[in-house]
Protein backbone atom coordinates (compact mmCIF):
# COMPACT_ATOMS: atom_id res chain seq x y z
CA MET A 1 43.96 -19.16 -0.62
CA LYS A 2 44.39 -16.98 2.46
CA SER A 3 41.40 -14.88 1.48
CA LEU A 4 39.25 -18.01 1.16
CA LEU A 5 40.39 -19.20 4.57
CA LYS A 6 39.67 -15.81 6.09
CA CYS A 7 36.23 -15.77 4.46
CA SER A 8 35.42 -19.24 5.84
CA ILE A 9 36.47 -18.17 9.34
CA ILE A 10 34.24 -15.08 9.13
CA MET A 11 31.34 -17.23 7.93
CA GLU A 12 31.89 -19.67 10.80
CA ASN A 13 31.90 -16.89 13.40
CA HIS A 14 28.78 -15.27 11.99
CA LYS A 15 26.65 -18.37 11.36
CA PRO A 16 23.82 -17.27 13.71
CA TYR A 17 23.58 -13.89 11.97
CA ILE A 18 23.57 -15.49 8.51
CA ALA A 19 20.95 -18.02 9.64
CA MET A 20 18.61 -15.35 11.00
CA ILE A 21 18.96 -13.13 7.94
CA PHE A 22 18.14 -16.16 5.77
CA VAL A 23 15.13 -16.94 7.99
CA GLN A 24 13.77 -13.42 7.56
CA PHE A 25 14.15 -13.67 3.77
CA VAL A 26 12.19 -16.95 3.94
CA TYR A 27 9.44 -15.31 6.01
CA ALA A 28 9.28 -12.39 3.58
CA GLY A 29 8.91 -14.93 0.78
CA MET A 30 6.06 -16.57 2.69
CA ALA A 31 4.06 -13.33 2.79
CA LEU A 32 4.83 -12.61 -0.88
CA PHE A 33 4.05 -16.10 -2.20
CA SER A 34 0.92 -16.39 -0.05
CA LYS A 35 -0.40 -13.08 -1.33
CA ALA A 36 0.41 -14.09 -4.91
CA ALA A 37 -1.47 -17.41 -4.63
CA ILE A 38 -4.54 -15.88 -2.94
CA ALA A 39 -4.60 -12.92 -5.37
CA LYS A 40 -4.43 -15.37 -8.30
CA GLY A 41 -7.66 -17.00 -7.14
CA MET A 42 -6.66 -19.83 -4.80
CA ASN A 43 -9.16 -20.44 -2.01
CA SER A 44 -7.61 -19.47 1.34
CA TYR A 45 -9.05 -22.49 3.19
CA VAL A 46 -7.74 -24.89 0.55
CA PHE A 47 -4.35 -23.18 0.76
CA VAL A 48 -4.11 -24.02 4.48
CA VAL A 49 -5.01 -27.67 3.84
CA TYR A 50 -2.26 -28.13 1.27
CA ARG A 51 0.27 -26.14 3.31
CA GLN A 52 -0.26 -28.34 6.37
CA ALA A 53 -0.23 -31.50 4.23
CA PHE A 54 3.16 -30.54 2.75
CA ALA A 55 4.46 -29.68 6.23
CA THR A 56 3.32 -33.05 7.63
CA VAL A 57 4.94 -35.01 4.81
CA ALA A 58 8.17 -33.02 5.10
CA LEU A 59 8.46 -33.47 8.88
CA ALA A 60 7.26 -37.09 9.17
CA PRO A 61 10.54 -38.83 8.16
CA PHE A 62 12.58 -36.73 10.61
CA ALA A 63 10.03 -37.31 13.38
CA PHE A 64 10.11 -41.08 12.79
CA PHE A 65 13.86 -41.64 12.42
CA LEU A 66 15.28 -38.97 14.73
CA GLU A 67 12.78 -39.15 17.60
CA SER A 68 11.36 -42.68 17.38
CA LYS A 69 12.55 -43.53 20.91
CA GLN A 70 11.10 -40.49 22.61
CA THR A 71 8.38 -40.43 25.26
CA SER A 72 5.25 -42.42 24.42
CA LEU A 73 1.96 -40.67 23.80
CA SER A 74 -1.10 -41.03 26.01
CA PHE A 75 -4.64 -40.50 24.75
CA LYS A 76 -5.05 -37.50 27.05
CA LEU A 77 -1.94 -35.86 25.64
CA LEU A 78 -3.10 -36.54 22.08
CA CYS A 79 -6.39 -34.80 22.87
CA LYS A 80 -4.47 -31.82 24.24
CA MET A 81 -2.39 -31.63 21.05
CA PHE A 82 -5.54 -31.84 18.94
CA LEU A 83 -7.22 -28.97 20.82
CA VAL A 84 -4.07 -26.81 20.82
CA SER A 85 -3.72 -27.38 17.07
CA LEU A 86 -7.36 -26.36 16.60
CA CYS A 87 -7.20 -23.09 18.54
CA GLY A 88 -3.66 -22.29 17.43
CA LEU A 89 -2.53 -23.59 14.05
CA THR A 90 -5.88 -24.18 12.35
CA LEU A 91 -7.67 -21.06 13.53
CA SER A 92 -4.62 -18.83 13.18
CA LEU A 93 -3.63 -19.93 9.67
CA ASN A 94 -7.17 -19.81 8.29
CA LEU A 95 -7.68 -16.30 9.68
CA TYR A 96 -4.27 -15.25 8.34
CA TYR A 97 -5.01 -16.33 4.76
CA VAL A 98 -8.51 -14.84 4.81
CA ALA A 99 -6.98 -11.58 6.07
CA ILE A 100 -4.27 -11.48 3.40
CA ASN A 101 -7.01 -11.51 0.76
CA TYR A 102 -8.22 -8.12 2.06
CA THR A 103 -4.83 -6.59 2.88
CA THR A 104 -1.27 -6.65 1.51
CA ALA A 105 1.83 -8.75 2.02
CA THR A 106 3.52 -5.75 3.64
CA PHE A 107 0.70 -5.40 6.16
CA ALA A 108 0.94 -9.13 6.97
CA ALA A 109 4.69 -8.80 7.57
CA ALA A 110 4.24 -5.63 9.63
CA THR A 111 1.64 -7.04 12.01
CA THR A 112 3.86 -10.07 12.66
CA ASN A 113 5.83 -7.74 14.93
CA THR A 114 2.87 -7.80 17.34
CA ILE A 115 3.26 -11.54 18.01
CA PRO A 116 5.96 -11.25 20.73
CA VAL A 117 3.89 -8.47 22.35
CA LEU A 118 0.64 -10.47 22.21
CA THR A 119 2.45 -13.58 23.45
CA PHE A 120 3.73 -11.63 26.46
CA ILE A 121 0.23 -10.28 27.25
CA ILE A 122 -1.38 -13.74 27.00
CA ALA A 123 1.43 -15.30 29.05
CA VAL A 124 0.86 -12.74 31.81
CA CYS A 125 -2.92 -13.32 31.74
CA LEU A 126 -2.41 -17.10 32.02
CA ARG A 127 0.26 -16.57 34.71
CA VAL A 128 2.93 -18.24 32.63
CA GLU A 129 5.03 -15.10 32.94
CA SER A 130 5.24 -12.67 35.84
CA ILE A 131 5.54 -8.90 35.68
CA SER A 132 6.43 -6.21 38.19
CA ILE A 133 5.43 -2.64 37.33
CA LYS A 134 7.62 -1.37 40.17
CA GLN A 135 10.80 -2.24 38.24
CA SER A 136 12.11 -0.89 34.93
CA PRO A 137 11.90 -4.21 32.99
CA GLY A 138 8.22 -4.60 33.91
CA ILE A 139 7.43 -0.98 33.00
CA ALA A 140 9.26 -1.45 29.68
CA LYS A 141 7.20 -4.55 28.85
CA VAL A 142 3.90 -2.80 29.56
CA PHE A 143 4.93 0.39 27.74
CA GLY A 144 6.29 -1.54 24.75
CA SER A 145 3.12 -3.64 24.54
CA VAL A 146 0.94 -0.51 24.45
CA ILE A 147 3.14 1.10 21.77
CA GLY A 148 3.22 -2.07 19.65
CA LEU A 149 -0.54 -2.59 19.71
CA SER A 150 -1.05 1.12 19.01
CA GLY A 151 1.14 0.72 15.93
CA ALA A 152 -1.01 -2.17 14.70
CA LEU A 153 -4.16 -0.07 15.10
CA VAL A 154 -2.55 2.89 13.34
CA TYR A 155 -1.56 0.62 10.42
CA ALA A 156 -5.14 -0.67 10.23
CA PHE A 157 -7.01 2.63 10.45
CA VAL A 158 -4.62 5.40 9.29
CA LYS A 159 -3.23 5.57 5.76
CA GLY A 160 -2.11 9.13 5.19
CA PRO A 161 -0.71 10.41 1.88
CA PRO A 162 1.18 8.01 -0.43
CA ILE A 163 4.98 8.09 -0.51
CA LYS A 164 5.58 9.94 -3.78
CA PHE A 165 8.88 8.46 -4.92
CA ILE A 166 7.40 4.96 -5.05
CA ASN A 167 3.85 5.95 -5.96
CA TRP A 168 3.47 3.78 -9.05
CA TYR A 169 -0.11 4.81 -9.76
CA PRO A 170 -1.00 8.46 -10.16
CA ALA A 171 -4.66 9.21 -9.74
CA THR A 172 -5.13 9.50 -13.50
CA GLN A 173 -3.76 6.06 -14.28
CA LYS A 174 -5.09 2.56 -13.83
CA GLN A 175 -3.09 -0.24 -12.29
CA THR A 176 -1.11 -2.41 -14.66
CA PRO A 177 -1.75 -6.14 -15.03
CA ASP A 178 1.59 -6.81 -13.28
CA SER A 179 0.18 -5.67 -9.98
CA LEU A 180 -1.29 -8.09 -7.47
CA ILE A 181 -2.45 -5.18 -5.35
CA LYS A 182 -6.03 -4.18 -5.87
CA SER A 183 -7.93 -1.25 -4.44
CA TYR A 184 -9.61 -2.15 -1.16
CA SER A 185 -12.63 -0.43 0.29
CA ILE A 186 -12.35 0.90 3.84
CA GLY A 187 -14.65 -1.89 5.04
CA GLU A 188 -12.53 -4.60 3.39
CA TRP A 189 -9.30 -3.18 4.79
CA ILE A 190 -10.67 -2.91 8.34
CA LYS A 191 -12.11 -6.44 8.12
CA GLY A 192 -8.77 -7.79 6.88
CA SER A 193 -6.90 -5.92 9.62
CA LEU A 194 -9.13 -7.33 12.35
CA PHE A 195 -8.79 -10.84 10.91
CA MET A 196 -5.00 -10.45 10.84
CA LEU A 197 -4.83 -9.26 14.45
CA SER A 198 -7.12 -12.15 15.45
CA ALA A 199 -4.80 -14.57 13.62
CA ASN A 200 -1.78 -13.18 15.46
CA THR A 201 -3.63 -13.48 18.78
CA ALA A 202 -4.49 -17.12 18.09
CA TRP A 203 -0.88 -17.82 17.08
CA SER A 204 0.39 -16.17 20.28
CA LEU A 205 -1.99 -18.30 22.35
CA TRP A 206 -0.64 -21.38 20.57
CA LEU A 207 2.94 -20.39 21.48
CA VAL A 208 2.03 -20.10 25.16
CA LEU A 209 0.14 -23.41 25.22
CA GLN A 210 2.96 -25.05 23.26
CA GLY A 211 5.33 -24.38 26.14
CA ARG A 212 3.20 -26.43 28.52
CA ILE A 213 2.84 -29.36 26.11
CA LEU A 214 6.59 -29.48 25.48
CA LYS A 215 7.14 -30.09 29.20
CA GLN A 216 5.06 -33.27 28.88
CA TYR A 217 6.31 -34.26 25.43
CA PRO A 218 9.78 -32.84 24.63
CA ALA A 219 10.12 -34.45 21.18
CA LYS A 220 9.93 -31.22 19.20
CA ILE A 221 9.96 -32.63 15.65
CA ARG A 222 7.32 -35.25 16.35
CA LEU A 223 5.18 -32.76 18.23
CA THR A 224 5.33 -30.31 15.31
CA ALA A 225 4.55 -33.09 12.80
CA LEU A 226 1.57 -34.33 14.82
CA GLN A 227 0.15 -30.83 15.20
CA CYS A 228 0.55 -30.21 11.47
CA LEU A 229 -1.30 -33.49 10.80
CA PHE A 230 -4.13 -32.56 13.19
CA SER A 231 -4.30 -29.09 11.66
CA CYS A 232 -4.45 -30.60 8.17
CA ILE A 233 -7.40 -32.80 9.16
CA GLN A 234 -9.21 -29.93 10.89
CA SER A 235 -8.55 -27.54 8.00
CA THR A 236 -9.81 -30.13 5.50
CA CYS A 237 -13.15 -30.33 7.33
CA TRP A 238 -13.28 -26.53 7.46
CA ALA A 239 -12.41 -26.17 3.75
CA ILE A 240 -14.91 -28.83 2.61
CA ALA A 241 -17.67 -27.03 4.52
CA ALA A 242 -16.69 -23.64 3.05
CA GLU A 243 -15.72 -24.63 -0.50
CA ARG A 244 -17.86 -27.21 -2.33
CA ASN A 245 -16.43 -26.53 -5.80
CA ALA A 246 -14.09 -29.41 -6.75
CA SER A 247 -12.10 -27.26 -9.18
CA ALA A 248 -10.91 -25.10 -6.27
CA TRP A 249 -8.93 -28.09 -4.98
CA LYS A 250 -6.93 -28.64 -8.16
CA LEU A 251 -3.23 -27.81 -8.11
CA GLY A 252 -1.30 -27.16 -11.32
CA TRP A 253 2.33 -26.37 -12.03
CA ASP A 254 1.88 -22.73 -11.12
CA VAL A 255 2.24 -20.26 -8.28
CA HIS A 256 -0.41 -22.12 -6.25
CA LEU A 257 1.70 -25.29 -6.01
CA LEU A 258 4.91 -23.31 -5.48
CA SER A 259 3.35 -21.28 -2.66
CA VAL A 260 1.90 -24.18 -0.64
CA ALA A 261 5.09 -26.24 -1.07
CA TYR A 262 7.24 -23.28 -0.03
CA CYS A 263 5.13 -22.48 3.04
CA GLY A 264 4.77 -26.12 4.06
CA VAL A 265 8.30 -27.41 3.52
CA ILE A 266 10.62 -24.39 3.78
CA VAL A 267 8.75 -22.22 6.29
CA THR A 268 7.37 -24.90 8.63
CA GLY A 269 10.34 -27.25 8.41
CA LEU A 270 13.62 -25.53 7.66
CA THR A 271 13.17 -22.14 9.32
CA TYR A 272 11.77 -23.63 12.53
CA TRP A 273 14.91 -25.63 13.13
CA LEU A 274 17.22 -22.82 12.07
CA GLN A 275 15.59 -20.70 14.76
CA VAL A 276 15.88 -23.46 17.38
CA TRP A 277 19.59 -23.85 16.50
CA THR A 278 20.14 -20.09 16.73
CA ILE A 279 18.36 -19.92 20.09
CA GLU A 280 20.70 -22.59 21.45
CA LYS A 281 23.68 -20.51 20.27
CA LYS A 282 22.55 -16.95 20.99
CA GLY A 283 19.33 -17.06 22.99
CA PRO A 284 15.66 -16.22 22.22
CA VAL A 285 15.97 -12.42 22.28
CA PHE A 286 18.63 -12.58 19.54
CA THR A 287 16.20 -14.33 17.16
CA ALA A 288 13.33 -11.93 17.88
CA ILE A 289 15.51 -8.87 17.18
CA PHE A 290 15.64 -9.82 13.49
CA THR A 291 11.82 -9.95 13.10
CA PRO A 292 11.45 -6.43 11.55
CA LEU A 293 13.87 -7.38 8.76
CA ALA A 294 11.17 -9.52 7.11
CA LEU A 295 8.95 -6.42 6.96
CA VAL A 296 11.65 -4.36 5.22
CA ILE A 297 12.32 -7.13 2.67
CA THR A 298 8.60 -7.65 2.01
CA ALA A 299 7.98 -3.92 1.53
CA ILE A 300 10.86 -3.58 -0.95
CA PHE A 301 9.84 -6.59 -3.04
CA SER A 302 6.14 -5.66 -2.96
CA ALA A 303 6.94 -2.13 -4.14
CA PHE A 304 9.24 -3.14 -7.00
CA LEU A 305 7.66 -6.41 -8.14
CA TRP A 306 3.98 -5.76 -7.60
CA LYS A 307 3.91 -1.95 -7.57
CA GLU A 308 2.40 -1.76 -4.10
CA ILE A 309 1.80 1.79 -2.88
CA LEU A 310 3.21 2.63 0.53
CA TYR A 311 1.71 5.37 2.73
CA TRP A 312 3.19 7.68 5.34
CA GLY A 313 0.64 6.47 7.88
CA SER A 314 1.99 2.95 7.41
CA VAL A 315 5.55 4.19 7.95
CA GLY A 316 4.52 5.79 11.25
CA ALA A 317 2.75 2.60 12.28
CA VAL A 318 5.85 0.53 11.50
CA VAL A 319 7.96 2.81 13.69
CA LEU A 320 5.53 2.20 16.56
CA LEU A 321 5.40 -1.56 15.90
CA VAL A 322 9.16 -2.01 15.77
CA GLY A 323 9.74 0.42 18.64
CA GLY A 324 7.25 -1.42 20.84
CA LEU A 325 8.83 -4.77 19.93
CA TYR A 326 12.33 -3.66 20.90
CA ILE A 327 11.14 -2.07 24.15
CA VAL A 328 9.46 -5.34 25.14
CA LEU A 329 12.58 -7.30 24.16
CA TRP A 330 14.76 -4.94 26.21
CA GLY A 331 12.56 -5.52 29.26
CA LYS A 332 12.61 -9.27 28.64
CA LYS A 333 16.38 -9.32 28.31
CA ARG A 334 16.78 -7.46 31.60
CA ASP A 335 14.44 -9.94 33.29
CA ASP A 336 16.35 -12.88 31.79
CA ALA A 337 19.65 -11.48 33.04
CA LYS A 338 18.17 -11.07 36.50
CA GLY A 339 16.79 -14.61 36.34
CA VAL A 340 20.25 -16.00 35.52
CA ARG A 341 21.74 -14.16 38.46
CA ASN A 342 19.09 -15.61 40.75
CA GLU A 343 19.67 -19.12 39.33
CA GLN A 344 16.05 -19.73 38.39
CA ASN A 345 14.58 -23.11 37.50
CA PRO A 346 15.91 -24.29 34.07
CA ASP A 347 12.42 -25.52 33.11
CA ALA A 348 11.10 -21.96 33.27
CA ASN A 349 13.83 -20.79 30.91
CA LYS A 350 13.04 -23.64 28.54
CA GLU A 351 9.41 -22.60 28.26
CA GLU A 352 10.43 -18.99 27.64
CA ILE A 353 12.57 -20.12 24.69
CA VAL A 354 9.51 -21.78 23.15
CA LEU A 355 7.51 -18.58 23.44
CA GLU A 356 9.86 -16.69 21.17
CA CYS A 357 11.27 -19.24 18.77
CA ILE A 358 8.43 -19.16 16.22
CA THR A 359 7.43 -15.58 15.64
CA HIS A 360 5.72 -16.09 12.26
CA HIS A 361 2.78 -18.06 10.94
């Protein structure tokens, strides 16, 4: 009985850590399930439509019952939401799922680490965030951004020799049917890498613009549900124009249905609010620190389940990606601490929380 009580106390004290570890497992599952569905023949544009439809349906009841008395919507604000959804959610997700068709789940998880870096760069360009290169936090942000983006480019263009102890496919053997990893030409890999970086850039832009909209419309659940609805409509038009075959829209009781339901309900709904809750308890930097864990989980599962080959060049790129991420976060944390000491405007801190709370597609 005492051991159970002690265990419950430990669980209570470590809830934010448990929540963030769970979130990273969910994000790893997103990359793995998405890759499985696309590799099994599901059209990437159709995938986005169903994912956003599931997300809208899952969030709608909470938006209606929990935030029904929130600020009313104007037509101008609705137009802003529609445009932000178009350049952020719709563009980003469609590019992401096209890219994952030419790359691997591990690459998708690895390049996610560039999102905080890209968000910081866009925020500086749009003057949402300030930077001083005369102080150590500012230098750290710039240096970390350069290192992180360099890591993404290394991952895209440098492979190096395979890691022997998990090299499932010697040169004399063919891949087994269990594998979802096919051989990509250099052109396909580079195209997929550029699409993935473009998707991350669009997502980062959405995070920055989201901060401004939340100041005008603070109902987070309803805002997310509306943007998912707009994105679903936009993606449907996109998918109909790109895919005219009716059979591509059929969902059966298979990995296709499981993947879109998982990404729409679990990823968009559950993990978003777990991150918001954790941010309220521990702050935004705490949530971002766990981002590389999804990469580790994805790499392990991809290697053992789907026999994905890992390369030394990719390992070096990951070191740069994660190193750049943590350097930027260190600089951001120092700036935040200085901001607290100077008693900055609470609205500015609120926007900064938004910039880091959703670090995955």
